[in-house]
C-alpha cells in the first residue's frame, strides 16, 4: 500500500480490519479509504483509482465524492447541504455532469446512505440525530413550567440562597 502514498499506520489499520483482502479490496474500490475510518483524503483515493484505470464517472467515485462533500460540510457545522450547493461543490471535486451527480445521489438515497428532504441532503446518521434531538426538545417543551417569569426568578433566588451560591 506504500506505493499509493498510504501511511504505514493506515496500512496496518487496513490490514487489521480487512486482513489478507485489504489490497484486493482497495484495488477494487480505492474510495473505501475515504468512506471508512482511515483518514485518507478524497484526492489521494482519486489518484489511486485513476492509476488503477478506474472510470471518472464510476458510481463508487461519484457516491464517495458526494459523501466527501457532505462530510466536509458537517465538519464545518452543517448537518445538511442544500441540494444545489451540494451539486456545485461536488462538481468542483468530481468534474462531472449534474445529471450524473443527480443519478448517483438518487442511488445513495435508494440505498439509505442519504436522506433528501425538501431539497436538503443529509447523511443518514445526521438526519436521524436531528430527528432525535427535535423529539427530545418537543418532550422538554411539553414539560414547560407553568410559572410566570417573576415566579421563576423568585424560585431561582430561593435555590441560590439555599445552596449558598449564584447560578449563572
N, C-alpha and C. Protein backbone atom coordinates (compact mmCIF):
# COMPACT_ATOMS: atom_id res chain seq x y z
N UNK A 1 0.82 -1.21 0.00
CA UNK A 1 0.00 0.00 0.00
C UNK A 1 0.86 1.26 0.00
N UNK A 2 2.11 1.14 0.38
CA UNK A 2 3.01 2.28 0.39
C UNK A 2 3.18 2.90 -0.98
N UNK A 3 3.07 2.09 -2.03
CA UNK A 3 3.21 2.62 -3.39
C UNK A 3 2.10 3.61 -3.74
N UNK A 4 1.01 3.59 -2.96
CA UNK A 4 -0.11 4.51 -3.19
C UNK A 4 -0.13 5.66 -2.19
N UNK A 5 0.98 5.92 -1.54
CA UNK A 5 1.12 7.00 -0.56
C UNK A 5 0.23 6.79 0.66
N UNK A 6 0.00 5.53 1.01
CA UNK A 6 -0.76 5.21 2.22
C UNK A 6 0.26 5.04 3.34
N UNK A 7 0.05 5.77 4.44
CA UNK A 7 1.00 5.73 5.54
C UNK A 7 1.06 4.33 6.15
N UNK A 8 2.19 3.98 6.78
CA UNK A 8 2.30 2.67 7.43
C UNK A 8 1.22 2.46 8.50
N UNK A 9 0.86 3.50 9.22
CA UNK A 9 -0.16 3.38 10.26
C UNK A 9 -1.51 3.03 9.63
N UNK A 10 -1.86 3.71 8.55
CA UNK A 10 -3.12 3.43 7.85
C UNK A 10 -3.08 2.03 7.24
N UNK A 11 -1.96 1.67 6.65
CA UNK A 11 -1.82 0.34 6.06
C UNK A 11 -2.02 -0.74 7.13
N UNK A 12 -1.45 -0.53 8.30
CA UNK A 12 -1.59 -1.50 9.40
C UNK A 12 -3.06 -1.60 9.82
N UNK A 13 -3.74 -0.46 9.91
CA UNK A 13 -5.15 -0.46 10.29
C UNK A 13 -5.99 -1.19 9.23
N UNK A 14 -5.68 -0.95 7.96
CA UNK A 14 -6.38 -1.64 6.88
C UNK A 14 -6.17 -3.15 6.97
N UNK A 15 -4.92 -3.55 7.17
CA UNK A 15 -4.63 -4.98 7.28
C UNK A 15 -5.32 -5.60 8.48
N UNK A 16 -5.39 -4.86 9.57
CA UNK A 16 -6.07 -5.37 10.77
C UNK A 16 -7.56 -5.54 10.50
N UNK A 17 -8.17 -4.53 9.86
CA UNK A 17 -9.61 -4.55 9.61
C UNK A 17 -10.01 -5.50 8.49
N UNK A 18 -9.22 -5.50 7.41
CA UNK A 18 -9.62 -6.23 6.21
C UNK A 18 -8.81 -7.51 5.98
N UNK A 19 -7.75 -7.67 6.76
CA UNK A 19 -6.94 -8.89 6.65
C UNK A 19 -6.24 -9.00 5.31
N UNK A 20 -6.12 -10.22 4.85
CA UNK A 20 -5.40 -10.50 3.60
C UNK A 20 -6.09 -9.92 2.37
N UNK A 21 -7.33 -9.48 2.53
CA UNK A 21 -8.09 -8.95 1.39
C UNK A 21 -7.91 -7.44 1.22
N UNK A 22 -7.15 -6.80 2.09
CA UNK A 22 -7.04 -5.33 2.08
C UNK A 22 -6.61 -4.81 0.71
N UNK A 23 -5.54 -5.34 0.18
CA UNK A 23 -5.02 -4.81 -1.10
C UNK A 23 -6.03 -5.05 -2.21
N UNK A 24 -6.62 -6.24 -2.26
CA UNK A 24 -7.61 -6.53 -3.31
C UNK A 24 -8.82 -5.62 -3.19
N UNK A 25 -9.27 -5.38 -1.97
CA UNK A 25 -10.43 -4.52 -1.78
C UNK A 25 -10.13 -3.08 -2.18
N UNK A 26 -8.94 -2.60 -1.84
CA UNK A 26 -8.56 -1.23 -2.20
C UNK A 26 -8.39 -1.12 -3.72
N UNK A 27 -7.84 -2.14 -4.34
CA UNK A 27 -7.70 -2.12 -5.80
C UNK A 27 -9.08 -2.15 -6.47
N UNK A 28 -10.01 -2.87 -5.87
CA UNK A 28 -11.36 -2.94 -6.42
C UNK A 28 -12.10 -1.62 -6.23
N UNK A 29 -11.94 -0.99 -5.05
CA UNK A 29 -12.62 0.27 -4.77
C UNK A 29 -11.76 1.13 -3.84
N UNK A 30 -10.85 1.92 -4.42
CA UNK A 30 -9.96 2.77 -3.60
C UNK A 30 -10.71 3.78 -2.72
N UNK A 31 -11.97 4.04 -3.05
CA UNK A 31 -12.74 5.03 -2.29
C UNK A 31 -13.15 4.52 -0.91
N UNK A 32 -12.95 3.23 -0.67
CA UNK A 32 -13.16 2.70 0.68
C UNK A 32 -12.24 3.39 1.69
N UNK A 33 -11.11 3.88 1.20
CA UNK A 33 -10.15 4.58 2.07
C UNK A 33 -10.73 5.88 2.61
N UNK A 34 -11.60 6.51 1.84
CA UNK A 34 -12.19 7.78 2.23
C UNK A 34 -13.43 7.54 3.09
N UNK A 35 -14.26 6.61 2.66
CA UNK A 35 -15.52 6.35 3.33
C UNK A 35 -15.30 5.79 4.73
N UNK A 36 -14.28 4.97 4.88
CA UNK A 36 -14.02 4.34 6.17
C UNK A 36 -13.35 5.26 7.16
N UNK A 37 -12.76 4.67 8.15
CA UNK A 37 -12.14 5.41 9.26
C UNK A 37 -10.64 5.59 9.06
N UNK A 38 -10.22 5.59 7.81
CA UNK A 38 -8.78 5.54 7.54
C UNK A 38 -8.14 6.90 7.31
N UNK A 39 -8.93 7.95 7.23
CA UNK A 39 -8.38 9.30 7.15
C UNK A 39 -7.67 9.64 5.85
N UNK A 40 -8.00 8.93 4.78
CA UNK A 40 -7.37 9.21 3.50
C UNK A 40 -8.20 10.25 2.77
N UNK A 41 -7.55 11.26 2.25
CA UNK A 41 -8.23 12.34 1.55
C UNK A 41 -8.81 11.83 0.22
N UNK A 42 -9.90 12.45 -0.19
CA UNK A 42 -10.54 12.05 -1.44
C UNK A 42 -9.58 12.13 -2.61
N UNK A 43 -8.78 13.18 -2.68
CA UNK A 43 -7.88 13.34 -3.83
C UNK A 43 -6.85 12.21 -3.90
N UNK A 44 -6.42 11.70 -2.75
CA UNK A 44 -5.48 10.57 -2.73
C UNK A 44 -6.16 9.32 -3.27
N UNK A 45 -7.37 9.05 -2.80
CA UNK A 45 -8.11 7.89 -3.29
C UNK A 45 -8.41 8.05 -4.78
N UNK A 46 -8.69 9.25 -5.20
CA UNK A 46 -8.97 9.52 -6.61
C UNK A 46 -7.73 9.22 -7.46
N UNK A 47 -6.58 9.64 -6.99
CA UNK A 47 -5.33 9.37 -7.72
C UNK A 47 -5.09 7.87 -7.82
N UNK A 48 -5.29 7.16 -6.71
CA UNK A 48 -5.12 5.70 -6.72
C UNK A 48 -6.09 5.08 -7.74
N UNK A 49 -7.33 5.53 -7.73
CA UNK A 49 -8.33 4.98 -8.64
C UNK A 49 -7.93 5.21 -10.10
N UNK A 50 -7.50 6.43 -10.41
CA UNK A 50 -7.11 6.72 -11.79
C UNK A 50 -5.88 5.93 -12.19
N UNK A 51 -4.93 5.78 -11.25
CA UNK A 51 -3.73 4.96 -11.53
C UNK A 51 -4.11 3.51 -11.82
N UNK A 52 -5.19 3.05 -11.21
CA UNK A 52 -5.66 1.68 -11.41
C UNK A 52 -6.59 1.55 -12.62
N UNK A 53 -6.83 2.69 -13.31
CA UNK A 53 -7.66 2.65 -14.51
C UNK A 53 -9.15 2.75 -14.27
N UNK A 54 -9.55 3.22 -13.10
CA UNK A 54 -10.98 3.37 -12.81
C UNK A 54 -11.55 4.54 -13.62
N UNK A 55 -12.83 4.42 -13.92
CA UNK A 55 -13.52 5.43 -14.73
C UNK A 55 -13.86 6.67 -13.91
N UNK A 56 -13.81 7.82 -14.58
CA UNK A 56 -14.14 9.10 -13.94
C UNK A 56 -15.59 9.13 -13.45
N UNK A 57 -16.48 8.48 -14.16
CA UNK A 57 -17.90 8.50 -13.82
C UNK A 57 -18.36 7.23 -13.11
N UNK A 58 -17.44 6.51 -12.47
CA UNK A 58 -17.84 5.29 -11.77
C UNK A 58 -18.74 5.65 -10.59
N UNK A 59 -19.69 4.77 -10.30
CA UNK A 59 -20.62 5.02 -9.20
C UNK A 59 -19.87 5.15 -7.88
N UNK A 60 -18.84 4.33 -7.67
CA UNK A 60 -18.06 4.41 -6.43
C UNK A 60 -17.45 5.79 -6.26
N UNK A 61 -16.91 6.33 -7.34
CA UNK A 61 -16.28 7.66 -7.28
C UNK A 61 -17.32 8.74 -7.00
N UNK A 62 -18.43 8.67 -7.72
CA UNK A 62 -19.46 9.70 -7.58
C UNK A 62 -20.06 9.70 -6.17
N UNK A 63 -20.42 8.53 -5.68
CA UNK A 63 -21.03 8.47 -4.35
C UNK A 63 -20.04 8.86 -3.27
N UNK A 64 -18.80 8.45 -3.43
CA UNK A 64 -17.78 8.84 -2.45
C UNK A 64 -17.56 10.35 -2.48
N UNK A 65 -17.54 10.93 -3.68
CA UNK A 65 -17.37 12.38 -3.80
C UNK A 65 -18.51 13.14 -3.15
N UNK A 66 -19.73 12.67 -3.36
CA UNK A 66 -20.88 13.31 -2.73
C UNK A 66 -20.79 13.18 -1.22
N UNK A 67 -20.44 11.99 -0.75
CA UNK A 67 -20.31 11.79 0.70
C UNK A 67 -19.17 12.64 1.27
N UNK A 68 -18.10 12.77 0.53
CA UNK A 68 -16.98 13.62 0.95
C UNK A 68 -17.43 15.08 1.13
N UNK A 69 -18.22 15.58 0.18
CA UNK A 69 -18.72 16.95 0.28
C UNK A 69 -19.64 17.10 1.49
N UNK A 70 -20.51 16.12 1.72
CA UNK A 70 -21.41 16.18 2.87
C UNK A 70 -20.64 16.10 4.19
N UNK A 71 -19.62 15.25 4.24
CA UNK A 71 -18.82 15.15 5.47
C UNK A 71 -18.04 16.44 5.71
N UNK A 72 -17.52 17.03 4.65
CA UNK A 72 -16.81 18.30 4.79
C UNK A 72 -17.75 19.38 5.32
N UNK A 73 -18.98 19.40 4.81
CA UNK A 73 -19.97 20.37 5.31
C UNK A 73 -20.24 20.12 6.79
N UNK A 74 -20.33 18.85 7.18
CA UNK A 74 -20.60 18.54 8.59
C UNK A 74 -19.44 18.96 9.48
N UNK A 75 -18.21 18.85 8.97
CA UNK A 75 -17.05 19.29 9.74
C UNK A 75 -17.04 20.80 9.92
N UNK A 76 -17.80 21.49 9.07
CA UNK A 76 -17.94 22.94 9.18
C UNK A 76 -19.21 23.33 9.91
N UNK A 77 -19.86 22.36 10.56
CA UNK A 77 -21.00 22.64 11.42
C UNK A 77 -22.37 22.49 10.79
N UNK A 78 -22.44 21.94 9.58
CA UNK A 78 -23.72 21.80 8.89
C UNK A 78 -24.17 20.34 8.93
N UNK A 79 -25.44 20.11 9.26
CA UNK A 79 -25.92 18.72 9.28
C UNK A 79 -26.56 18.33 7.96
N UNK A 80 -26.82 19.31 7.09
CA UNK A 80 -27.32 19.01 5.75
C UNK A 80 -26.69 19.99 4.79
N UNK A 81 -26.88 19.70 3.53
CA UNK A 81 -26.38 20.60 2.49
C UNK A 81 -27.53 20.81 1.50
N UNK A 82 -27.87 22.05 1.18
CA UNK A 82 -28.89 22.25 0.15
C UNK A 82 -28.44 21.55 -1.14
N UNK A 83 -29.37 20.92 -1.82
CA UNK A 83 -29.02 20.11 -2.99
C UNK A 83 -28.22 20.92 -4.02
N UNK A 84 -28.61 22.14 -4.27
CA UNK A 84 -27.91 22.96 -5.26
C UNK A 84 -26.46 23.21 -4.84
N UNK A 85 -26.26 23.51 -3.56
CA UNK A 85 -24.91 23.73 -3.04
C UNK A 85 -24.10 22.44 -3.13
N UNK A 86 -24.73 21.33 -2.76
CA UNK A 86 -24.07 20.03 -2.84
C UNK A 86 -23.60 19.75 -4.26
N UNK A 87 -24.48 19.95 -5.23
CA UNK A 87 -24.10 19.67 -6.62
C UNK A 87 -22.98 20.60 -7.10
N UNK A 88 -23.04 21.87 -6.71
CA UNK A 88 -21.97 22.79 -7.10
C UNK A 88 -20.62 22.38 -6.52
N UNK A 89 -20.62 22.01 -5.24
CA UNK A 89 -19.36 21.59 -4.60
C UNK A 89 -18.89 20.24 -5.13
N UNK A 90 -19.83 19.32 -5.34
CA UNK A 90 -19.47 18.01 -5.87
C UNK A 90 -18.92 18.15 -7.29
N UNK A 91 -19.48 19.07 -8.06
CA UNK A 91 -18.97 19.31 -9.41
C UNK A 91 -17.52 19.76 -9.36
N UNK A 92 -17.21 20.65 -8.43
CA UNK A 92 -15.82 21.12 -8.30
C UNK A 92 -14.86 19.99 -7.94
N UNK A 93 -15.32 19.05 -7.14
CA UNK A 93 -14.49 17.92 -6.72
C UNK A 93 -14.40 16.86 -7.82
N UNK A 94 -15.55 16.57 -8.45
CA UNK A 94 -15.64 15.42 -9.36
C UNK A 94 -15.53 15.78 -10.85
N UNK A 95 -15.80 17.02 -11.19
CA UNK A 95 -15.77 17.47 -12.59
C UNK A 95 -16.61 16.57 -13.50
N UNK A 96 -17.88 16.42 -13.14
CA UNK A 96 -18.77 15.61 -13.96
C UNK A 96 -20.13 16.30 -14.07
N UNK A 97 -20.95 15.82 -14.98
CA UNK A 97 -22.24 16.43 -15.27
C UNK A 97 -23.19 16.36 -14.07
N UNK A 98 -24.03 17.37 -13.96
CA UNK A 98 -25.02 17.42 -12.88
C UNK A 98 -25.99 16.25 -12.97
N UNK A 99 -26.33 15.85 -14.19
CA UNK A 99 -27.27 14.74 -14.36
C UNK A 99 -26.69 13.45 -13.76
N UNK A 100 -25.41 13.22 -13.96
CA UNK A 100 -24.76 12.04 -13.41
C UNK A 100 -24.72 12.13 -11.88
N UNK A 101 -24.46 13.33 -11.37
CA UNK A 101 -24.47 13.52 -9.91
C UNK A 101 -25.86 13.26 -9.35
N UNK A 102 -26.87 13.72 -10.06
CA UNK A 102 -28.24 13.52 -9.61
C UNK A 102 -28.59 12.03 -9.57
N UNK A 103 -28.15 11.29 -10.57
CA UNK A 103 -28.38 9.84 -10.59
C UNK A 103 -27.67 9.16 -9.43
N UNK A 104 -26.43 9.56 -9.18
CA UNK A 104 -25.66 8.96 -8.07
C UNK A 104 -26.32 9.27 -6.73
N UNK A 105 -26.79 10.51 -6.57
CA UNK A 105 -27.48 10.89 -5.33
C UNK A 105 -28.75 10.06 -5.15
N UNK A 106 -29.49 9.85 -6.23
CA UNK A 106 -30.72 9.05 -6.15
C UNK A 106 -30.40 7.62 -5.72
N UNK A 107 -29.30 7.07 -6.23
CA UNK A 107 -28.91 5.72 -5.83
C UNK A 107 -28.50 5.68 -4.36
N UNK A 108 -27.81 6.73 -3.90
CA UNK A 108 -27.45 6.80 -2.48
C UNK A 108 -28.69 6.85 -1.61
N UNK A 109 -29.68 7.60 -2.07
CA UNK A 109 -30.94 7.70 -1.31
C UNK A 109 -31.66 6.35 -1.30
N UNK A 110 -31.68 5.67 -2.45
CA UNK A 110 -32.32 4.36 -2.53
C UNK A 110 -31.67 3.35 -1.59
N UNK A 111 -30.35 3.47 -1.41
CA UNK A 111 -29.62 2.53 -0.55
C UNK A 111 -29.60 2.97 0.91
N UNK A 112 -30.24 4.10 1.22
CA UNK A 112 -30.32 4.56 2.60
C UNK A 112 -29.06 5.21 3.12
N UNK A 113 -28.19 5.68 2.24
CA UNK A 113 -26.96 6.34 2.67
C UNK A 113 -27.19 7.82 2.94
N UNK A 114 -28.18 8.40 2.25
CA UNK A 114 -28.53 9.81 2.46
C UNK A 114 -30.04 9.93 2.53
N UNK A 115 -30.48 11.07 3.05
CA UNK A 115 -31.91 11.41 3.06
C UNK A 115 -32.02 12.76 2.35
N UNK A 116 -32.93 12.83 1.39
CA UNK A 116 -33.20 14.08 0.69
C UNK A 116 -34.61 14.50 1.09
N UNK A 117 -34.68 15.67 1.72
CA UNK A 117 -35.95 16.18 2.20
C UNK A 117 -36.03 17.67 1.92
N UNK A 118 -37.02 18.07 1.15
CA UNK A 118 -37.23 19.49 0.82
C UNK A 118 -35.94 20.14 0.30
N UNK A 119 -35.30 19.46 -0.66
CA UNK A 119 -34.08 19.96 -1.31
C UNK A 119 -32.88 20.07 -0.36
N UNK A 120 -32.97 19.42 0.79
CA UNK A 120 -31.85 19.34 1.74
C UNK A 120 -31.34 17.91 1.71
N UNK A 121 -30.02 17.76 1.67
CA UNK A 121 -29.43 16.42 1.61
C UNK A 121 -28.66 16.19 2.90
N UNK A 122 -29.01 15.11 3.59
CA UNK A 122 -28.40 14.73 4.85
C UNK A 122 -27.68 13.38 4.70
N UNK A 123 -26.57 13.20 5.36
CA UNK A 123 -26.08 11.85 5.60
C UNK A 123 -27.07 11.23 6.57
N UNK A 124 -27.34 9.96 6.42
CA UNK A 124 -28.39 9.31 7.19
C UNK A 124 -28.24 9.53 8.70
N UNK A 125 -27.03 9.35 9.24
CA UNK A 125 -26.88 9.46 10.70
C UNK A 125 -27.13 10.88 11.20
N UNK A 126 -26.87 11.90 10.39
CA UNK A 126 -27.17 13.27 10.82
C UNK A 126 -28.67 13.53 10.77
N UNK A 127 -29.34 12.97 9.79
CA UNK A 127 -30.79 13.10 9.70
C UNK A 127 -31.45 12.47 10.93
N UNK A 128 -30.99 11.27 11.26
CA UNK A 128 -31.54 10.58 12.42
C UNK A 128 -31.23 11.34 13.71
N UNK A 129 -30.03 11.88 13.82
CA UNK A 129 -29.66 12.64 15.02
C UNK A 129 -30.52 13.89 15.15
N UNK A 130 -30.75 14.58 14.05
CA UNK A 130 -31.59 15.78 14.10
C UNK A 130 -33.01 15.42 14.54
N UNK A 131 -33.54 14.33 14.02
CA UNK A 131 -34.88 13.89 14.42
C UNK A 131 -34.94 13.55 15.90
N UNK A 132 -33.90 12.90 16.40
CA UNK A 132 -33.85 12.54 17.82
C UNK A 132 -33.82 13.79 18.70
N UNK A 133 -32.99 14.75 18.33
CA UNK A 133 -32.89 15.99 19.12
C UNK A 133 -34.21 16.76 19.07
N UNK A 134 -34.83 16.82 17.90
CA UNK A 134 -36.12 17.52 17.78
C UNK A 134 -37.18 16.86 18.67
N UNK A 135 -37.19 15.54 18.68
CA UNK A 135 -38.14 14.81 19.52
C UNK A 135 -37.91 15.13 21.00
N UNK A 136 -36.66 15.14 21.42
CA UNK A 136 -36.34 15.43 22.82
C UNK A 136 -36.70 16.88 23.18
N UNK A 137 -36.47 17.80 22.26
CA UNK A 137 -36.84 19.20 22.52
C UNK A 137 -38.35 19.35 22.66
N UNK A 138 -39.10 18.62 21.84
CA UNK A 138 -40.57 18.66 21.96
C UNK A 138 -41.01 18.08 23.30
N UNK A 139 -40.33 17.02 23.74
CA UNK A 139 -40.66 16.44 25.05
C UNK A 139 -40.37 17.43 26.17
N UNK A 140 -39.25 18.13 26.06
CA UNK A 140 -38.91 19.14 27.07
C UNK A 140 -39.92 20.29 27.06
N UNK A 141 -40.33 20.68 25.86
CA UNK A 141 -41.30 21.76 25.74
C UNK A 141 -42.63 21.37 26.38
N UNK A 142 -42.99 20.11 26.24
CA UNK A 142 -44.24 19.63 26.84
C UNK A 142 -44.17 19.68 28.37
N UNK A 143 -42.96 19.65 28.91
CA UNK A 143 -42.78 19.72 30.36
C UNK A 143 -42.59 21.14 30.86
N UNK A 144 -42.83 22.11 29.98
CA UNK A 144 -42.58 23.51 30.31
C UNK A 144 -43.27 23.88 31.63
N UNK A 145 -42.61 24.71 32.38
CA UNK A 145 -43.11 25.14 33.68
C UNK A 145 -44.35 26.02 33.54
N UNK A 146 -45.28 25.85 34.41
CA UNK A 146 -46.48 26.70 34.37
C UNK A 146 -46.24 28.05 35.05
N UNK A 147 -45.03 28.30 35.52
CA UNK A 147 -44.74 29.53 36.26
C UNK A 147 -44.51 30.70 35.32
N UNK A 148 -44.83 31.87 35.82
CA UNK A 148 -44.57 33.11 35.10
C UNK A 148 -43.14 33.55 35.39
N UNK A 149 -42.64 34.50 34.59
CA UNK A 149 -41.26 34.97 34.70
C UNK A 149 -40.85 35.39 36.10
N UNK A 150 -41.66 36.19 36.78
CA UNK A 150 -41.32 36.66 38.13
C UNK A 150 -41.26 35.50 39.11
N UNK A 151 -42.16 34.54 38.97
CA UNK A 151 -42.16 33.38 39.86
C UNK A 151 -40.87 32.57 39.67
N UNK A 152 -40.45 32.41 38.45
CA UNK A 152 -39.23 31.65 38.15
C UNK A 152 -38.03 32.34 38.78
N UNK A 153 -37.96 33.65 38.64
CA UNK A 153 -36.86 34.41 39.24
C UNK A 153 -36.83 34.22 40.76
N UNK A 154 -37.98 34.25 41.39
CA UNK A 154 -38.07 34.07 42.85
C UNK A 154 -37.63 32.66 43.24
N UNK A 155 -38.03 31.66 42.47
CA UNK A 155 -37.64 30.27 42.75
C UNK A 155 -36.12 30.13 42.63
N UNK A 156 -35.54 30.73 41.61
CA UNK A 156 -34.08 30.66 41.41
C UNK A 156 -33.36 31.34 42.57
N UNK A 157 -33.84 32.50 42.99
CA UNK A 157 -33.22 33.19 44.13
C UNK A 157 -33.27 32.33 45.38
N UNK A 158 -34.39 31.66 45.62
CA UNK A 158 -34.50 30.77 46.78
C UNK A 158 -33.52 29.61 46.70
N UNK A 159 -33.37 29.04 45.53
CA UNK A 159 -32.40 27.94 45.34
C UNK A 159 -30.99 28.44 45.58
N UNK A 160 -30.66 29.61 45.01
CA UNK A 160 -29.33 30.17 45.19
C UNK A 160 -29.04 30.41 46.67
N UNK A 161 -30.02 30.98 47.36
CA UNK A 161 -29.85 31.26 48.78
C UNK A 161 -29.64 29.96 49.56
N UNK A 162 -30.44 28.95 49.28
CA UNK A 162 -30.34 27.66 49.94
C UNK A 162 -29.02 26.94 49.66
N UNK A 163 -28.51 27.10 48.45
CA UNK A 163 -27.27 26.43 48.06
C UNK A 163 -26.02 27.25 48.42
N UNK A 164 -26.22 28.51 48.63
CA UNK A 164 -25.11 29.37 49.02
C UNK A 164 -24.25 29.85 47.86
N UNK A 165 -24.76 29.81 46.67
CA UNK A 165 -24.01 30.34 45.51
C UNK A 165 -24.99 30.82 44.46
N UNK A 166 -24.46 31.66 43.56
CA UNK A 166 -25.28 32.26 42.50
C UNK A 166 -25.20 31.40 41.24
N UNK A 167 -26.35 31.12 40.67
CA UNK A 167 -26.39 30.35 39.43
C UNK A 167 -26.09 31.28 38.25
N UNK A 168 -25.47 30.72 37.25
CA UNK A 168 -25.14 31.52 36.05
C UNK A 168 -26.34 31.68 35.16
